Amino acid sequence: MEKATLTIGYTRLNADELTADDRALVEQAKAACATSYVPYSHFRVGAAARLSTGETVCGSNQENAAFPSGTCAERCTIFYANAHRPEAAVETLAIAARRADGHFTPEPITPCGACRQVLIETERRYGRPMRIVLYGERETLLLESASDLLPFRFDADAM
């Protein structure tokens, strides 16, 4: 038996340390929280994707009484981008969340497993990494690739 350790690289930033482009993308993700439909959890999540064309698309979480029928902000945003701009890679995805009390989360939230899988597939589709910006009031995390969120991933190479 061999025990191993896995580490990933990421950068911790204060909001003022973000580039102007990333700060603008975070602001769009925060604004997208307002379009969430969350009558059950009251937990609003917004995402904003900067495409290789320079365009930005946004999405938010959408709940349903049949819980599996809803969708997360990340998948909403990625699927919208892929459906409307299939030729454009997602270069950076910013994610923000607002609690029921109206305040943004102090620490960044991370995508769920299903969203991580979609992000991995999107990187594979375009053959390039997608930067991930996870916003929190106290700190923001920057990952250079969605692969860092799911190091033991399932993709077409496994089939």
Protein backbone atom coordinates (compact mmCIF):
# COMPACT_ATOMS: atom_id res chain seq x y z
CA MET A 1 0.00 0.00 0.00
CA GLU A 2 1.22 3.47 -0.82
CA LYS A 3 -0.26 6.55 0.75
CA ALA A 4 -0.23 9.68 -1.41
CA THR A 5 -1.05 13.32 -0.95
CA LEU A 6 -2.68 15.54 -3.51
CA THR A 7 -2.27 19.30 -3.51
CA ILE A 8 -3.77 21.94 -5.75
CA GLY A 9 -2.67 25.45 -6.40
CA TYR A 10 -4.90 28.44 -5.87
CA THR A 11 -4.48 32.09 -4.97
CA ARG A 12 -6.17 33.89 -2.07
CA LEU A 13 -6.98 37.51 -2.83
CA ASN A 14 -8.71 40.48 -1.31
CA ALA A 15 -11.28 42.03 -3.63
CA ASP A 16 -8.95 44.96 -4.34
CA GLU A 17 -6.21 42.57 -5.51
CA LEU A 18 -8.31 41.28 -8.41
CA THR A 19 -7.57 42.56 -11.89
CA ALA A 20 -10.06 45.10 -13.21
CA ASP A 21 -11.51 42.46 -15.56
CA ASP A 22 -11.93 39.90 -12.78
CA ARG A 23 -13.41 42.52 -10.43
CA ALA A 24 -15.96 43.45 -13.12
CA LEU A 25 -16.81 39.76 -13.63
CA VAL A 26 -17.31 39.27 -9.88
CA GLU A 27 -19.64 42.29 -9.81
CA GLN A 28 -21.68 40.70 -12.62
CA ALA A 29 -21.85 37.41 -10.71
CA LYS A 30 -22.99 39.28 -7.60
CA ALA A 31 -25.66 41.10 -9.63
CA ALA A 32 -26.81 37.79 -11.15
CA CYS A 33 -27.77 36.63 -7.64
CA ALA A 34 -30.80 38.92 -7.95
CA THR A 35 -32.25 36.73 -10.73
CA SER A 36 -32.17 33.55 -8.63
CA TYR A 37 -35.43 31.73 -8.01
CA VAL A 38 -34.90 30.32 -4.51
CA PRO A 39 -38.22 29.95 -2.63
CA TYR A 40 -36.90 26.97 -0.64
CA SER A 41 -33.27 27.60 0.32
CA HIS A 42 -33.26 31.41 0.05
CA PHE A 43 -29.59 30.99 -0.94
CA ARG A 44 -28.89 32.99 -4.07
CA VAL A 45 -25.98 32.08 -6.32
CA GLY A 46 -24.89 34.02 -9.38
CA ALA A 47 -22.27 33.23 -11.98
CA ALA A 48 -20.71 35.25 -14.77
CA ALA A 49 -18.65 33.80 -17.61
CA ARG A 50 -16.22 35.80 -19.74
CA LEU A 51 -16.05 34.22 -23.19
CA SER A 52 -13.16 34.18 -25.65
CA THR A 53 -15.15 36.68 -27.76
CA GLY A 54 -14.98 39.19 -24.89
CA GLU A 55 -18.69 38.81 -24.17
CA THR A 56 -20.01 38.03 -20.71
CA VAL A 57 -23.01 35.85 -19.94
CA CYS A 58 -24.60 35.40 -16.53
CA GLY A 59 -26.84 32.90 -14.81
CA SER A 60 -28.29 32.11 -11.41
CA ASN A 61 -29.62 29.15 -9.47
CA GLN A 62 -33.21 28.13 -10.14
CA GLU A 63 -34.97 25.92 -7.59
CA ASN A 64 -37.92 23.60 -8.04
CA ALA A 65 -40.16 21.82 -5.54
CA ALA A 66 -38.85 18.60 -7.10
CA PHE A 67 -35.31 19.41 -5.99
CA PRO A 68 -33.39 17.51 -8.69
CA SER A 69 -35.28 19.51 -11.33
CA GLY A 70 -33.62 22.81 -10.42
CA THR A 71 -30.22 23.94 -11.58
CA CYS A 72 -27.19 25.65 -10.13
CA ALA A 73 -25.91 29.03 -11.27
CA GLU A 74 -22.75 27.52 -12.71
CA ARG A 75 -24.54 25.05 -14.98
CA CYS A 76 -27.17 27.63 -15.94
CA THR A 77 -24.37 29.98 -17.06
CA ILE A 78 -22.21 27.40 -18.83
CA PHE A 79 -25.12 25.81 -20.69
CA TYR A 80 -26.41 29.23 -21.76
CA ALA A 81 -22.95 30.18 -23.04
CA ASN A 82 -22.52 26.87 -24.88
CA ALA A 83 -26.00 27.07 -26.43
CA HIS A 84 -25.76 30.70 -27.58
CA ARG A 85 -22.04 31.00 -28.37
CA PRO A 86 -20.89 27.43 -29.11
CA GLU A 87 -17.74 28.70 -30.82
CA ALA A 88 -16.63 30.74 -27.79
CA ALA A 89 -14.64 29.15 -24.98
CA VAL A 90 -15.35 30.18 -21.41
CA GLU A 91 -12.13 31.85 -20.28
CA THR A 92 -13.13 32.79 -16.72
CA LEU A 93 -16.10 31.93 -14.53
CA ALA A 94 -16.87 34.00 -11.42
CA ILE A 95 -19.22 32.73 -8.72
CA ALA A 96 -20.83 34.63 -5.82
CA ALA A 97 -23.49 33.73 -3.27
CA ARG A 98 -25.88 35.75 -1.12
CA ARG A 99 -27.44 34.35 2.04
CA ALA A 100 -31.07 34.69 3.10
CA ASP A 101 -30.13 37.71 5.25
CA GLY A 102 -29.11 39.58 2.07
CA HIS A 103 -25.37 39.53 2.75
CA PHE A 104 -22.84 37.88 0.48
CA THR A 105 -21.07 34.89 1.99
CA PRO A 106 -17.95 35.85 3.95
CA GLU A 107 -16.04 32.89 2.49
CA PRO A 108 -16.24 31.75 -1.12
CA ILE A 109 -18.57 28.90 -1.99
CA THR A 110 -17.43 26.18 -4.35
CA PRO A 111 -19.38 24.46 -7.12
CA CYS A 112 -21.20 21.23 -6.34
CA GLY A 113 -19.98 17.95 -7.81
CA ALA A 114 -22.34 18.04 -10.80
CA CYS A 115 -21.20 21.57 -11.65
CA ARG A 116 -17.54 20.58 -11.31
CA GLN A 117 -18.14 17.79 -13.81
CA VAL A 118 -19.74 20.25 -16.27
CA LEU A 119 -16.82 22.66 -15.86
CA ILE A 120 -14.36 19.83 -16.60
CA GLU A 121 -16.30 18.86 -19.72
CA THR A 122 -16.33 22.50 -20.85
CA GLU A 123 -12.55 22.67 -20.51
CA ARG A 124 -12.27 19.48 -22.55
CA ARG A 125 -14.71 20.79 -25.18
CA TYR A 126 -12.58 23.86 -25.86
CA GLY A 127 -9.20 22.27 -25.17
CA ARG A 128 -8.16 24.95 -22.71
CA PRO A 129 -8.31 25.73 -19.01
CA MET A 130 -11.08 27.84 -17.54
CA ARG A 131 -10.08 30.19 -14.73
CA ILE A 132 -12.41 30.08 -11.71
CA VAL A 133 -12.97 33.09 -9.41
CA LEU A 134 -14.77 32.22 -6.18
CA TYR A 135 -15.95 35.37 -4.41
CA GLY A 136 -16.36 35.86 -0.68
CA GLU A 137 -16.62 39.10 1.31
CA ARG A 138 -13.44 38.31 3.29
CA GLU A 139 -11.45 36.67 0.53
CA THR A 140 -11.65 35.55 -3.05
CA LEU A 141 -10.05 32.39 -4.41
CA LEU A 142 -8.59 32.17 -7.90
CA LEU A 143 -7.98 28.81 -9.58
CA GLU A 144 -6.21 28.67 -12.92
CA SER A 145 -8.25 25.69 -14.11
CA ALA A 146 -11.54 24.00 -13.28
CA SER A 147 -9.48 20.80 -13.15
CA ASP A 148 -8.16 22.00 -9.80
CA LEU A 149 -11.69 21.65 -8.40
CA LEU A 150 -11.95 18.02 -9.46
CA PRO A 151 -8.52 16.41 -9.66
CA PHE A 152 -9.89 12.84 -9.80
CA ARG A 153 -12.30 13.52 -12.60
CA PHE A 154 -14.33 11.37 -14.94
CA ASP A 155 -14.01 12.34 -18.58
CA ALA A 156 -13.97 10.75 -22.03
CA ASP A 157 -10.47 9.39 -21.46
CA ALA A 158 -11.95 7.02 -18.86
CA MET A 159 -14.37 5.44 -21.36
